[in-house]
Amino acid sequence: MGKERKSGGVLGAIERAGNTLPHPFILFLYITAGLAVLSAVLSLMGVSAVNPTTGETVTVQNIISRDGLVWIVENMLLNFSGFAPLGLVLAMQMAIGLAEGSGLLDTFMRRAILGVPLWALSATVLFLGINGSIASEASIIVIPALAATAFQAVGKHPIAGLIAGYAATNAGFTANILITGTDALLYGVTEDAAQMIDPSVTLTPAINWYFMIVSCLVLTVVGVFVNDRIIVPRLGEYKGSEKADERTATDLEKKGLRNAGIFTLIYAILLLICLVPQNGLLRGENGSILESPFITGLVPILIVYFVLAGVVYGKTVGTIKDSGDIPKMMANSLQSLTGYIVLVFVIAQFINMFSYTNLGTIIAVNASDALQKVGFTGIPLVIGVILLTILVNFFMTSGTAKWYIFAPIFVPMFMLLGYSPEFAQAIYRIGDSIANPLTPIYPYLPIVIGMAQKYEKNTGIGTIISMTLPYSIAFLIVWIVQVIVWMAFNLPLGPGASVFLA
């Protein structure tokens, strides 16, 4: 007899509490209404803060005022159409949907897992997920879905795979064995903040590289432990109606996979031709790779790949008989996103309204000022900055936007205490990653809920958060330990970057 799903303990209480919340659409309506009232009250109280980047005094904007109501009317449709994750989600879903509809993903997964030990599957999902930030936010959509399929195919609970992929791509987002676009975005802000203390400071995108390589490996090991010892036993045996296809690939499917593999090789060679030469088509104007069309256009490159690979496979095995099948498969793949699109409408209003009120900036500035006044140093300072970043992440999910606010405060504060600006950035990145999968306003949370409901219809916000919480806590603990080790031995954070100032 299979193991039953566990529903007790702290995680069970969190799941039950979270799942008693109303539908996310209604929940965000309530939150938005509460935001409007709060903005009115704080505006009347004259609450403000000084933006450390610009030096300007930022006041609370009242949504219920005439100006606020006019702003709502004029921007409601713009908020929706300009919601950046929506375009990414729809485009990636069409591309992946074609690859899935043609049968490519199913065959690839069944072939890829043959003979792979279960521990290796968990480690592979987590390692790829943690390194998924090289593909920007597209990994948050791709990896959890593929991980669920892979876990189901070997008889493990698909939601265990989905959660492992979701936790890895979010809580481990900042770690990577390569230099990513995130490194390129953050280091410039850090450099500007450091020059407030020392105008001669110059930094590079690689200032946290060594630290993040080790983080990637450590988080993978810890993630496997959490998955195998906490999440899988808690979920028990999968008894849903969505069954895995346990048959082996046919000769025709193997041929289709081979042809898709040949196409993948050709596609990779073409990319290298455009990328390796100093004057390559996908290089930046100064020959840079980090600041280049390759990095900014990585999502479109992935979309084109999934579409063409799906077409090659589909034409080989016969699932795509004529050109009309291609748009049909892409359209069918969007049917599962109708609920998400409706939800995005109200989420986009809330996020833009919150930005309009200036509450995010005011909360971040006042919270960081309070931390500075406490006078922490050493490990307490590190933990304080991490916890503060986690707290603010529940109100402001954009990592770059938060760093624009925090960097002019944290970096000089760290430097005056003898710590390097590179160290300040590394500490911030830990806090920014940890809370990503736990934030109810995170724009990709509804997507993951929808993926999970494919396997268990009663999945809600509480289910996802209660399952990702063990990952976030475990990652937080080992990251703090890693920071302590780096501080104790003054290990290099990256090329030419150390914990302490010389």
Protein backbone atom coordinates (compact mmCIF):
# COMPACT_ATOMS: atom_id res chain seq x y z
CA MET A 1 0.00 0.00 0.00
CA GLY A 2 1.40 3.42 -0.98
CA LYS A 3 2.28 6.08 1.52
CA GLU A 4 -0.40 8.66 2.23
CA ARG A 5 0.29 12.34 1.95
CA LYS A 6 1.22 13.93 5.28
CA SER A 7 -0.85 16.93 6.34
CA GLY A 8 0.27 17.59 9.91
CA GLY A 9 2.97 19.69 11.54
CA VAL A 10 4.02 23.26 10.86
CA LEU A 11 4.09 22.80 7.07
CA GLY A 12 0.59 21.34 7.16
CA ALA A 13 -0.65 24.32 9.17
CA ILE A 14 0.95 26.73 6.70
CA GLU A 15 -0.60 24.87 3.78
CA ARG A 16 -4.07 24.83 5.34
CA ALA A 17 -3.87 28.50 6.30
CA GLY A 18 -2.66 29.49 2.85
CA ASN A 19 -5.31 27.45 1.08
CA THR A 20 -8.12 29.07 3.11
CA LEU A 21 -7.31 32.35 1.41
CA PRO A 22 -9.74 33.41 -1.32
CA HIS A 23 -8.95 32.94 -5.00
CA PRO A 24 -5.80 34.94 -5.85
CA PHE A 25 -7.86 37.28 -8.06
CA ILE A 26 -10.13 38.19 -5.13
CA LEU A 27 -7.16 38.27 -2.75
CA PHE A 28 -5.38 40.85 -4.88
CA LEU A 29 -8.55 42.92 -5.11
CA TYR A 30 -8.64 43.03 -1.30
CA ILE A 31 -4.93 43.85 -1.10
CA THR A 32 -5.27 46.60 -3.70
CA ALA A 33 -8.19 48.13 -1.81
CA GLY A 34 -6.17 47.98 1.41
CA LEU A 35 -3.25 49.65 -0.37
CA ALA A 36 -5.50 52.49 -1.49
CA VAL A 37 -6.71 53.12 2.07
CA LEU A 38 -3.19 52.86 3.49
CA SER A 39 -1.84 55.32 0.93
CA ALA A 40 -4.52 57.83 1.92
CA VAL A 41 -3.76 57.50 5.64
CA LEU A 42 0.03 57.70 5.27
CA SER A 43 -0.26 60.59 2.84
CA LEU A 44 -2.32 62.57 5.35
CA MET A 45 0.27 61.74 8.03
CA GLY A 46 3.02 63.17 5.82
CA VAL A 47 5.14 60.01 5.79
CA SER A 48 8.26 60.41 3.64
CA ALA A 49 11.86 59.34 3.13
CA VAL A 50 14.95 60.66 1.36
CA ASN A 51 15.94 58.59 -1.67
CA PRO A 52 19.65 57.83 -1.14
CA THR A 53 20.28 57.63 -4.88
CA THR A 54 18.80 60.98 -5.93
CA GLY A 55 18.75 62.85 -2.61
CA GLU A 56 15.12 63.77 -3.23
CA THR A 57 12.42 63.59 -0.56
CA VAL A 58 9.89 60.90 -1.48
CA THR A 59 6.35 61.26 -0.12
CA VAL A 60 3.41 58.85 -0.13
CA GLN A 61 1.14 59.37 -3.14
CA ASN A 62 -2.55 59.07 -2.25
CA ILE A 63 -4.35 56.71 -4.65
CA ILE A 64 -7.78 57.89 -3.49
CA SER A 65 -7.00 61.54 -4.30
CA ARG A 66 -8.10 63.14 -7.56
CA ASP A 67 -4.62 62.73 -9.06
CA GLY A 68 -4.54 59.11 -7.97
CA LEU A 69 -7.93 58.27 -9.46
CA VAL A 70 -7.00 60.01 -12.72
CA TRP A 71 -3.77 57.99 -12.78
CA ILE A 72 -5.76 54.75 -12.36
CA VAL A 73 -8.13 55.59 -15.21
CA GLU A 74 -5.34 56.63 -17.55
CA ASN A 75 -3.02 53.72 -16.75
CA MET A 76 -5.27 50.71 -16.12
CA LEU A 77 -4.84 49.23 -19.61
CA LEU A 78 -1.20 50.29 -19.81
CA ASN A 79 -0.51 48.51 -16.52
CA PHE A 80 -1.92 45.31 -17.99
CA SER A 81 -0.33 45.47 -21.44
CA GLY A 82 2.99 46.63 -19.99
CA PHE A 83 3.24 43.82 -17.43
CA ALA A 84 6.62 42.41 -18.51
CA PRO A 85 6.24 38.79 -17.32
CA LEU A 86 3.01 38.38 -19.32
CA GLY A 87 4.70 38.63 -22.70
CA LEU A 88 7.49 36.32 -21.58
CA VAL A 89 5.08 33.72 -20.22
CA LEU A 90 2.84 33.72 -23.30
CA ALA A 91 5.72 33.56 -25.77
CA MET A 92 7.56 30.81 -23.88
CA GLN A 93 4.34 28.85 -23.40
CA MET A 94 3.66 28.88 -27.15
CA ALA A 95 7.19 27.68 -27.91
CA ILE A 96 7.29 25.02 -25.21
CA GLY A 97 3.70 24.06 -26.04
CA LEU A 98 4.72 23.30 -29.61
CA ALA A 99 7.67 21.21 -28.42
CA GLU A 100 5.34 19.40 -26.02
CA GLY A 101 2.49 18.99 -28.50
CA SER A 102 4.80 17.48 -31.10
CA GLY A 103 5.92 14.90 -28.53
CA LEU A 104 9.53 16.10 -28.36
CA LEU A 105 9.61 16.88 -24.63
CA ASP A 106 7.88 13.65 -23.66
CA THR A 107 10.25 11.50 -25.71
CA PHE A 108 13.30 13.44 -24.56
CA MET A 109 12.34 13.02 -20.90
CA ARG A 110 11.69 9.30 -21.24
CA ARG A 111 15.00 8.77 -23.01
CA ALA A 112 16.98 11.06 -20.71
CA ILE A 113 15.96 9.35 -17.47
CA LEU A 114 16.67 5.75 -18.55
CA GLY A 115 19.26 4.33 -16.18
CA VAL A 116 19.61 7.55 -14.18
CA PRO A 117 19.63 6.92 -10.40
CA LEU A 118 16.90 8.71 -8.46
CA TRP A 119 19.40 10.76 -6.47
CA ALA A 120 20.99 11.91 -9.70
CA LEU A 121 17.60 13.03 -11.03
CA SER A 122 16.97 15.26 -8.02
CA ALA A 123 20.50 16.65 -8.17
CA THR A 124 20.20 17.30 -11.91
CA VAL A 125 16.91 19.18 -11.53
CA LEU A 126 18.28 21.31 -8.70
CA PHE A 127 21.62 21.99 -10.39
CA LEU A 128 19.97 23.01 -13.66
CA GLY A 129 17.38 25.08 -11.81
CA ILE A 130 19.95 26.97 -9.77
CA ASN A 131 21.94 27.67 -12.93
CA GLY A 132 18.76 28.53 -14.83
CA SER A 133 19.33 32.25 -14.32
CA ILE A 134 21.64 32.13 -17.35
CA ALA A 135 18.38 31.91 -19.32
CA SER A 136 16.92 34.77 -17.29
CA GLU A 137 13.36 34.32 -16.01
CA ALA A 138 12.50 31.85 -18.77
CA SER A 139 13.96 29.12 -16.55
CA ILE A 140 11.23 29.75 -13.96
CA ILE A 141 8.67 28.56 -16.51
CA VAL A 142 10.63 25.80 -18.26
CA ILE A 143 12.46 23.92 -15.50
CA PRO A 144 9.60 23.29 -13.00
CA ALA A 145 7.37 21.90 -15.78
CA LEU A 146 10.09 19.61 -17.13
CA ALA A 147 11.08 18.52 -13.62
CA ALA A 148 7.49 17.49 -12.85
CA THR A 149 7.41 15.37 -16.01
CA ALA A 150 10.77 13.77 -15.20
CA PHE A 151 9.82 12.91 -11.62
CA GLN A 152 6.51 11.43 -12.71
CA ALA A 153 8.20 9.27 -15.33
CA VAL A 154 10.34 7.52 -12.68
CA GLY A 155 7.43 6.99 -10.30
CA LYS A 156 8.11 9.94 -8.00
CA HIS A 157 5.47 12.53 -7.15
CA PRO A 158 5.45 15.09 -9.99
CA ILE A 159 4.80 17.98 -7.60
CA ALA A 160 8.04 17.09 -5.78
CA GLY A 161 9.87 17.68 -9.05
CA LEU A 162 7.91 20.83 -9.80
CA ILE A 163 8.66 22.31 -6.36
CA ALA A 164 12.33 21.35 -6.61
CA GLY A 165 12.54 23.15 -9.96
CA TYR A 166 10.62 26.17 -8.67
CA ALA A 167 12.70 26.48 -5.50
CA ALA A 168 15.95 26.06 -7.39
CA THR A 169 15.15 28.66 -10.06
CA ASN A 170 14.01 31.18 -7.44
CA ALA A 171 15.59 30.65 -4.02
CA GLY A 172 18.82 29.78 -5.82
CA PHE A 173 18.39 32.36 -8.59
CA THR A 174 21.49 34.38 -7.76
CA ALA A 175 23.91 31.40 -7.74
CA ASN A 176 25.48 30.28 -11.00
CA ILE A 177 28.64 28.70 -12.30
CA LEU A 178 28.72 31.33 -15.07
CA ILE A 179 28.60 35.12 -15.13
CA THR A 180 25.00 36.10 -15.89
CA GLY A 181 22.97 39.14 -16.81
CA THR A 182 22.20 39.65 -13.11
CA ASP A 183 25.91 40.12 -12.40
CA ALA A 184 26.12 42.68 -15.18
CA LEU A 185 23.11 44.59 -13.84
CA LEU A 186 24.16 44.71 -10.18
CA TYR A 187 27.86 45.45 -10.32
CA GLY A 188 27.38 48.87 -11.94
CA VAL A 189 25.02 49.94 -9.15
CA THR A 190 27.50 48.63 -6.56
CA GLU A 191 30.36 50.52 -8.20
CA ASP A 192 28.45 53.81 -8.17
CA ALA A 193 27.61 53.35 -4.48
CA ALA A 194 31.22 52.45 -3.61
CA GLN A 195 32.50 55.59 -5.33
CA MET A 196 30.56 57.65 -2.80
CA ILE A 197 33.28 56.59 -0.33
CA ASP A 198 36.21 55.97 -2.66
CA PRO A 199 35.98 57.53 -6.16
CA SER A 200 38.83 55.31 -7.38
CA VAL A 201 36.85 52.07 -6.95
CA THR A 202 36.32 50.08 -10.16
CA LEU A 203 34.49 46.76 -10.27
CA THR A 204 33.62 44.03 -12.79
CA PRO A 205 30.63 41.70 -13.26
CA ALA A 206 32.75 38.83 -11.87
CA ILE A 207 33.09 40.26 -8.33
CA ASN A 208 30.94 37.48 -6.77
CA TRP A 209 31.81 34.70 -9.22
CA TYR A 210 33.82 32.34 -6.95
CA PHE A 211 31.33 32.71 -4.12
CA MET A 212 28.42 31.91 -6.43
CA ILE A 213 30.13 28.87 -7.99
CA VAL A 214 30.51 27.33 -4.53
CA SER A 215 26.95 28.40 -3.67
CA CYS A 216 25.65 26.55 -6.72
CA LEU A 217 27.28 23.29 -5.64
CA VAL A 218 26.37 23.60 -1.95
CA LEU A 219 22.74 24.52 -2.64
CA THR A 220 22.39 21.54 -4.98
CA VAL A 221 23.48 19.14 -2.24
CA VAL A 222 21.24 20.77 0.36
CA GLY A 223 18.34 20.86 -2.08
CA VAL A 224 18.63 17.11 -2.69
CA PHE A 225 18.45 16.53 1.06
CA VAL A 226 15.34 18.72 1.41
CA ASN A 227 13.66 17.06 -1.55
CA ASP A 228 14.37 13.47 -0.53
CA ARG A 229 13.97 13.80 3.24
CA ILE A 230 11.18 16.38 3.56
CA ILE A 231 9.19 17.03 0.38
CA VAL A 232 8.92 13.53 -1.15
CA PRO A 233 7.91 11.83 2.14
CA ARG A 234 5.41 14.60 2.82
CA LEU A 235 3.72 14.24 -0.57
CA GLY A 236 3.50 10.46 -0.38
CA GLU A 237 2.43 8.37 -3.36
CA TYR A 238 0.99 10.15 -6.38
CA LYS A 239 -2.58 8.98 -7.00
CA GLY A 240 -3.74 11.53 -9.53
CA SER A 241 -5.34 10.86 -12.88
CA GLU A 242 -2.45 12.43 -14.79
CA LYS A 243 -0.36 9.32 -15.38
CA ALA A 244 3.13 9.12 -16.78
CA ASP A 245 3.77 7.41 -20.10
CA GLU A 246 5.94 4.48 -19.03
CA ARG A 247 6.46 2.96 -22.48
CA THR A 248 9.87 3.12 -24.09
CA ALA A 249 10.47 5.26 -27.16
CA THR A 250 9.66 3.68 -30.52
CA ASP A 251 12.17 3.54 -33.36
CA LEU A 252 10.36 6.42 -35.09
CA GLU A 253 10.46 8.52 -31.92
CA LYS A 254 14.16 7.77 -31.53
CA LYS A 255 14.68 8.95 -35.11
CA GLY A 256 12.75 12.12 -34.35
CA LEU A 257 14.86 12.72 -31.26
CA ARG A 258 18.02 12.14 -33.27
CA ASN A 259 16.95 14.66 -35.91
CA ALA A 260 16.06 17.18 -33.19
CA GLY A 261 19.51 16.57 -31.70
CA ILE A 262 21.17 17.22 -35.07
CA PHE A 263 19.19 20.44 -35.36
CA THR A 264 20.26 21.40 -31.82
CA LEU A 265 23.92 20.92 -32.77
CA ILE A 266 23.52 23.04 -35.91
CA TYR A 267 21.68 25.73 -33.92
CA ALA A 268 24.43 25.77 -31.28
CA ILE A 269 27.14 26.05 -33.96
CA LEU A 270 25.35 29.00 -35.58
CA LEU A 271 25.12 30.72 -32.19
CA LEU A 272 28.83 30.16 -31.57
CA ILE A 273 29.67 31.58 -35.00
CA CYS A 274 27.72 34.70 -34.04
CA LEU A 275 29.24 34.85 -30.56
CA VAL A 276 32.86 33.64 -30.52
CA PRO A 277 34.48 36.14 -32.93
CA GLN A 278 35.27 39.51 -31.34
CA ASN A 279 33.11 41.21 -33.99
CA GLY A 280 30.41 38.51 -33.89
CA LEU A 281 26.83 39.40 -34.77
CA LEU A 282 25.60 38.71 -31.24
CA ARG A 283 28.45 40.55 -29.50
CA GLY A 284 28.04 43.99 -27.98
CA GLU A 285 29.40 47.11 -29.67
CA ASN A 286 32.59 46.89 -27.62
CA GLY A 287 32.92 43.15 -28.15
CA SER A 288 31.37 42.35 -24.79
CA ILE A 289 29.33 39.19 -24.25
CA LEU A 290 27.69 40.28 -21.00
CA GLU A 291 26.41 43.50 -22.54
CA SER A 292 25.35 42.10 -25.88
CA PRO A 293 22.33 41.15 -28.00
CA PHE A 294 23.02 37.54 -26.99
CA ILE A 295 22.22 38.24 -23.33
CA THR A 296 19.33 40.63 -23.95
CA GLY A 297 17.92 38.37 -26.66
CA LEU A 298 18.38 35.05 -24.88
CA VAL A 299 14.65 34.49 -24.42
CA PRO A 300 13.83 34.98 -28.14
CA ILE A 301 16.76 32.68 -28.97
CA LEU A 302 15.23 30.01 -26.71
CA ILE A 303 11.77 30.54 -28.20
CA VAL A 304 13.05 30.06 -31.75
CA TYR A 305 14.94 26.95 -30.64
CA PHE A 306 11.94 25.26 -28.98
CA VAL A 307 9.71 26.03 -31.97
CA LEU A 308 12.12 24.76 -34.63
CA ALA A 309 13.19 21.71 -32.60
CA GLY A 310 9.52 20.84 -32.09
CA VAL A 311 8.85 21.21 -35.81
CA VAL A 312 11.82 19.00 -36.75
CA TYR A 313 10.67 16.29 -34.34
CA GLY A 314 6.99 16.60 -35.29
CA LYS A 315 7.66 16.38 -39.03
CA THR A 316 9.83 13.30 -38.46
CA VAL A 317 7.33 11.33 -36.36
CA GLY A 318 4.21 12.64 -38.09
CA THR A 319 2.63 14.61 -35.24
CA ILE A 320 2.99 17.70 -37.46
CA LYS A 321 1.51 16.84 -40.84
CA ASP A 322 1.23 20.30 -42.36
CA SER A 323 2.04 23.91 -41.50
CA GLY A 324 -1.44 24.45 -40.05
CA ASP A 325 -0.66 22.08 -37.17
CA ILE A 326 2.00 24.47 -35.87
CA PRO A 327 -0.27 27.42 -34.91
CA LYS A 328 -2.91 24.95 -33.66
CA MET A 329 -0.46 23.42 -31.19
CA MET A 330 0.72 26.85 -30.09
CA ALA A 331 -2.86 28.05 -29.60
CA ASN A 332 -3.84 24.92 -27.67
CA SER A 333 -0.90 25.44 -25.32
CA LEU A 334 -2.30 28.84 -24.31
CA GLN A 335 -5.62 27.42 -23.11
CA SER A 336 -4.10 26.52 -19.76
CA LEU A 337 -3.07 30.16 -19.25
CA THR A 338 -6.49 31.80 -19.47
CA GLY A 339 -6.83 31.89 -15.69
CA TYR A 340 -3.34 33.34 -15.37
CA ILE A 341 -4.10 36.10 -17.88
CA VAL A 342 -7.20 37.12 -15.90
CA LEU A 343 -5.18 37.12 -12.68
CA VAL A 344 -2.39 39.16 -14.24
CA PHE A 345 -4.86 41.98 -14.88
CA VAL A 346 -5.36 42.62 -11.17
CA ILE A 347 -1.75 41.80 -10.21
CA ALA A 348 -0.49 44.38 -12.70
CA GLN A 349 -2.79 47.00 -11.19
CA PHE A 350 -1.54 46.28 -7.67
CA ILE A 351 2.16 46.31 -8.58
CA ASN A 352 1.91 49.56 -10.52
CA MET A 353 -0.29 51.16 -7.84
CA PHE A 354 2.24 50.19 -5.20
CA SER A 355 4.97 51.79 -7.30
CA TYR A 356 2.82 54.92 -7.74
CA THR A 357 2.39 55.33 -3.97
CA ASN A 358 6.20 55.28 -3.40
CA LEU A 359 5.64 52.96 -0.44
CA GLY A 360 8.27 50.49 -1.66
CA THR A 361 11.00 53.13 -1.62
CA ILE A 362 9.87 54.55 1.73
CA ILE A 363 9.73 51.12 3.40
CA ALA A 364 13.15 50.13 2.06
CA VAL A 365 14.86 53.40 3.04
CA ASN A 366 13.39 53.56 6.54
CA ALA A 367 14.08 49.88 7.20
CA SER A 368 17.71 50.16 6.09
CA ASP A 369 18.14 53.35 8.13
CA ALA A 370 16.86 51.50 11.19
CA LEU A 371 19.35 48.68 10.59
CA GLN A 372 22.17 51.20 10.27
CA LYS A 373 21.23 52.93 13.53
CA VAL A 374 21.30 49.63 15.44
CA GLY A 375 25.05 49.54 14.82
CA PHE A 376 25.42 45.88 13.88
CA THR A 377 28.75 44.57 12.64
CA GLY A 378 30.16 41.16 11.71
CA ILE A 379 27.73 38.23 11.58
CA PRO A 380 24.81 40.20 13.11
CA LEU A 381 25.22 42.77 10.32
CA VAL A 382 25.19 40.05 7.67
CA ILE A 383 22.09 38.39 9.11
CA GLY A 384 20.37 41.75 9.56
CA VAL A 385 20.92 42.76 5.92
CA ILE A 386 19.75 39.37 4.67
CA LEU A 387 16.59 39.41 6.80
CA LEU A 388 15.84 43.02 5.85
CA THR A 389 16.17 42.18 2.15
CA ILE A 390 13.87 39.18 2.63
CA LEU A 391 11.30 41.40 4.35
CA VAL A 392 11.33 44.06 1.64
CA ASN A 393 11.08 41.35 -1.03
CA PHE A 394 7.50 40.72 0.11
CA PHE A 395 6.64 44.25 -1.08
CA MET A 396 9.07 44.73 -3.98
CA THR A 397 10.05 41.69 -6.04
CA SER A 398 12.43 43.33 -8.53
CA GLY A 399 15.96 42.56 -7.39
CA THR A 400 17.53 45.37 -9.40
CA ALA A 401 15.02 47.97 -8.17
CA LYS A 402 15.73 47.05 -4.55
CA TRP A 403 19.48 47.26 -5.07
CA TYR A 404 19.13 50.75 -6.52
CA ILE A 405 17.62 51.71 -3.16
CA PHE A 406 19.79 49.61 -0.85
CA ALA A 407 23.20 49.99 -2.51
CA PRO A 408 23.74 53.69 -1.62
CA ILE A 409 23.08 52.73 2.03
CA PHE A 410 24.54 49.25 2.42
CA VAL A 411 27.71 49.64 0.35
CA PRO A 412 29.05 52.79 2.11
CA MET A 413 28.00 51.33 5.48
CA PHE A 414 29.93 48.12 4.79
CA MET A 415 32.98 50.04 3.52
CA LEU A 416 33.10 52.26 6.61
CA LEU A 417 33.09 49.09 8.73
CA GLY A 418 36.01 47.64 6.74
CA TYR A 419 34.07 45.34 4.40
CA SER A 420 34.34 45.46 0.62
CA PRO A 421 31.54 46.61 -1.71
CA GLU A 422 31.75 43.18 -3.36
CA PHE A 423 30.88 41.59 -0.01
CA ALA A 424 27.90 43.92 0.46
CA GLN A 425 26.55 42.90 -2.95
CA ALA A 426 26.97 39.19 -2.18
CA ILE A 427 25.05 39.51 1.09
CA TYR A 428 22.23 41.40 -0.63
CA ARG A 429 21.95 38.76 -3.35
CA ILE A 430 21.45 36.03 -0.75
CA GLY A 431 18.49 37.81 0.83
CA ASP A 432 17.02 38.70 -2.54
CA SER A 433 17.02 35.07 -3.69
CA ILE A 434 15.77 33.39 -0.52
CA ALA A 435 12.34 35.04 -0.43
CA ASN A 436 11.48 34.84 -4.13
CA PRO A 437 9.38 31.64 -4.00
CA LEU A 438 7.66 32.71 -0.75
CA THR A 439 6.33 36.07 -1.94
CA PRO A 440 2.56 35.97 -2.65
CA ILE A 441 2.86 38.88 -5.12
CA TYR A 442 5.55 37.09 -7.14
CA PRO A 443 4.26 37.21 -10.75
CA TYR A 444 5.25 33.60 -11.53
CA LEU A 445 3.52 32.06 -8.50
CA PRO A 446 0.16 31.73 -10.34
CA ILE A 447 1.93 29.92 -13.18
CA VAL A 448 3.39 27.34 -10.80
CA ILE A 449 0.03 26.89 -9.06
CA GLY A 450 -1.50 26.18 -12.48
CA MET A 451 1.23 23.63 -13.24
CA ALA A 452 0.63 21.89 -9.91
CA GLN A 453 -3.16 21.82 -10.40
CA LYS A 454 -2.56 19.65 -13.46
CA TYR A 455 -1.60 16.92 -10.98
CA GLU A 456 -3.62 17.89 -7.89
CA LYS A 457 -6.69 20.05 -8.43
CA ASN A 458 -6.83 21.40 -4.86
CA THR A 459 -3.36 22.96 -4.99
CA GLY A 460 -3.35 26.55 -3.74
CA ILE A 461 -1.01 29.29 -2.57
CA GLY A 462 -0.57 27.54 0.77
CA THR A 463 0.52 24.31 -0.92
CA ILE A 464 3.27 25.96 -2.94
CA ILE A 465 4.57 28.19 -0.13
CA SER A 466 4.57 25.38 2.45
CA MET A 467 6.54 23.16 0.05
CA THR A 468 9.10 25.84 -0.87
CA LEU A 469 9.62 27.07 2.70
CA PRO A 470 11.94 24.15 3.66
CA TYR A 471 14.14 24.95 0.66
CA SER A 472 14.32 28.65 1.54
CA ILE A 473 15.15 27.94 5.19
CA ALA A 474 17.79 25.34 4.27
CA PHE A 475 19.34 27.62 1.64
CA LEU A 476 19.38 30.51 4.14
CA ILE A 477 21.17 28.45 6.79
CA VAL A 478 23.87 27.06 4.50
CA TRP A 479 24.39 30.44 2.84
CA ILE A 480 24.98 32.07 6.23
CA VAL A 481 27.43 29.29 7.10
CA GLN A 482 29.18 29.84 3.77
CA VAL A 483 29.43 33.57 4.48
CA ILE A 484 30.95 32.85 7.91
CA VAL A 485 33.56 30.59 6.28
CA TRP A 486 34.38 33.28 3.72
CA MET A 487 34.75 35.87 6.48
CA ALA A 488 36.83 33.60 8.72
CA PHE A 489 39.38 32.83 6.00
CA ASN A 490 38.97 36.04 3.94
CA LEU A 491 38.42 33.93 0.84
CA PRO A 492 38.15 35.67 -2.55
CA LEU A 493 34.58 36.41 -3.65
CA GLY A 494 35.67 36.69 -7.27
CA PRO A 495 38.72 37.75 -9.31
CA GLY A 496 40.35 40.56 -7.33
CA ALA A 497 37.45 40.71 -4.85
CA SER A 498 37.77 39.90 -1.13
CA VAL A 499 35.56 40.15 1.94
CA PHE A 500 37.56 42.89 3.63
CA LEU A 501 38.97 46.12 2.27
CA ALA A 502 42.72 46.06 1.73
